[in-house]
Amino acid sequence: MVVVVNAIRQKCDVAAREVLESNDPTRRLEVLVRIAGSAPSLQAELERSGLEVHSTTGPIATGVIAAGKLEQLAALPFVRRVELSRALFQED
């Protein structure tokens, strides 16, 4: 359990940690995952952790995951960062 808590604290952005505290494990989250290595070669492992992969390029994967599986994703040794998707600019 300590390893998972540390993975969440070290690898997840503030927004992702706040979602975990909301205690809604079924909430689906759009995430960007930075990994050590090539995302396409690790896609199967990402999917086994619960990530529904939408795209991969280099060390980046994007997709959707249930909040209750976010800890499992963050605990993967090759995962470096998990960030919730957000708008970079406001559309008119």
Protein backbone atom coordinates (compact mmCIF):
# COMPACT_ATOMS: atom_id res chain seq x y z
CA MET A 1 0.00 0.00 0.00
CA VAL A 2 2.85 2.41 0.80
CA VAL A 3 4.31 1.92 -2.69
CA VAL A 4 0.96 2.79 -4.30
CA VAL A 5 0.48 5.87 -2.12
CA ASN A 6 3.99 7.04 -3.01
CA ALA A 7 3.33 6.40 -6.71
CA ILE A 8 0.19 8.53 -6.56
CA ARG A 9 1.97 11.33 -4.69
CA GLN A 10 5.04 11.28 -6.95
CA LYS A 11 3.52 10.57 -10.35
CA CYS A 12 0.02 12.09 -10.44
CA ASP A 13 -0.71 15.78 -10.89
CA VAL A 14 -2.77 17.69 -8.34
CA ALA A 15 -5.99 17.36 -10.32
CA ALA A 16 -5.64 13.56 -10.47
CA ARG A 17 -4.95 13.34 -6.74
CA GLU A 18 -8.03 15.45 -6.02
CA VAL A 19 -10.20 13.10 -8.10
CA LEU A 20 -8.92 10.16 -6.06
CA GLU A 21 -9.93 11.94 -2.87
CA SER A 22 -13.48 12.40 -4.20
CA ASN A 23 -14.00 8.62 -3.77
CA ASP A 24 -15.85 8.01 -7.05
CA PRO A 25 -13.97 4.98 -8.45
CA THR A 26 -16.23 4.72 -11.51
CA ARG A 27 -15.58 8.27 -12.75
CA ARG A 28 -13.88 8.07 -16.15
CA LEU A 29 -10.85 10.29 -16.55
CA GLU A 30 -9.10 11.46 -19.68
CA VAL A 31 -5.36 11.29 -18.98
CA LEU A 32 -1.97 11.89 -20.52
CA VAL A 33 0.68 9.40 -19.40
CA ARG A 34 4.41 10.06 -19.74
CA ILE A 35 6.51 6.93 -19.66
CA ALA A 36 10.13 5.83 -19.75
CA GLY A 37 10.46 4.09 -23.08
CA SER A 38 8.20 3.94 -26.09
CA ALA A 39 4.47 4.11 -25.47
CA PRO A 40 3.56 1.91 -28.46
CA SER A 41 5.77 -0.92 -27.19
CA LEU A 42 4.23 -0.70 -23.69
CA GLN A 43 0.62 -0.25 -24.79
CA ALA A 44 -0.44 -3.76 -23.76
CA GLU A 45 0.81 -3.22 -20.19
CA LEU A 46 -0.92 0.17 -20.02
CA GLU A 47 -4.16 -1.48 -21.12
CA ARG A 48 -3.80 -4.27 -18.53
CA SER A 49 -3.61 -1.58 -15.84
CA GLY A 50 -7.00 -0.28 -16.97
CA LEU A 51 -6.07 2.48 -19.42
CA GLU A 52 -8.19 2.55 -22.58
CA VAL A 53 -5.43 3.82 -24.87
CA HIS A 54 -6.55 6.35 -27.48
CA SER A 55 -3.16 7.35 -28.90
CA THR A 56 0.57 6.85 -28.42
CA THR A 57 3.59 8.70 -29.68
CA GLY A 58 7.12 8.38 -28.38
CA PRO A 59 7.00 8.46 -24.56
CA ILE A 60 3.36 9.70 -24.39
CA ALA A 61 0.07 7.82 -24.24
CA THR A 62 -3.40 9.31 -23.94
CA GLY A 63 -6.58 7.58 -22.99
CA VAL A 64 -9.41 7.06 -20.54
CA ILE A 65 -9.27 5.24 -17.21
CA ALA A 66 -11.65 4.72 -14.29
CA ALA A 67 -10.56 6.70 -11.24
CA GLY A 68 -10.42 3.47 -9.25
CA LYS A 69 -7.68 2.14 -11.55
CA LEU A 70 -5.51 5.26 -11.49
CA GLU A 71 -3.41 3.89 -8.62
CA GLN A 72 -2.66 0.71 -10.58
CA LEU A 73 -1.55 2.78 -13.59
CA ALA A 74 0.68 5.07 -11.50
CA ALA A 75 2.32 2.07 -9.81
CA LEU A 76 3.71 0.75 -13.11
CA PRO A 77 7.51 1.13 -12.91
CA PHE A 78 7.84 2.73 -16.35
CA VAL A 79 5.13 5.37 -15.74
CA ARG A 80 6.76 8.72 -14.97
CA ARG A 81 3.75 11.08 -14.83
CA VAL A 82 -0.06 10.93 -15.03
CA GLU A 83 -1.92 14.15 -15.78
CA LEU A 84 -5.62 14.78 -16.25
CA SER A 85 -6.47 16.22 -19.65
CA ARG A 86 -7.40 19.86 -19.64
CA ALA A 87 -8.06 22.62 -22.14
CA LEU A 88 -4.93 24.54 -23.04
CA PHE A 89 -6.95 27.52 -24.19
CA GLN A 90 -10.54 28.64 -24.13
CA GLU A 91 -12.47 28.23 -27.36
CA ASP A 92 -14.91 30.97 -28.36
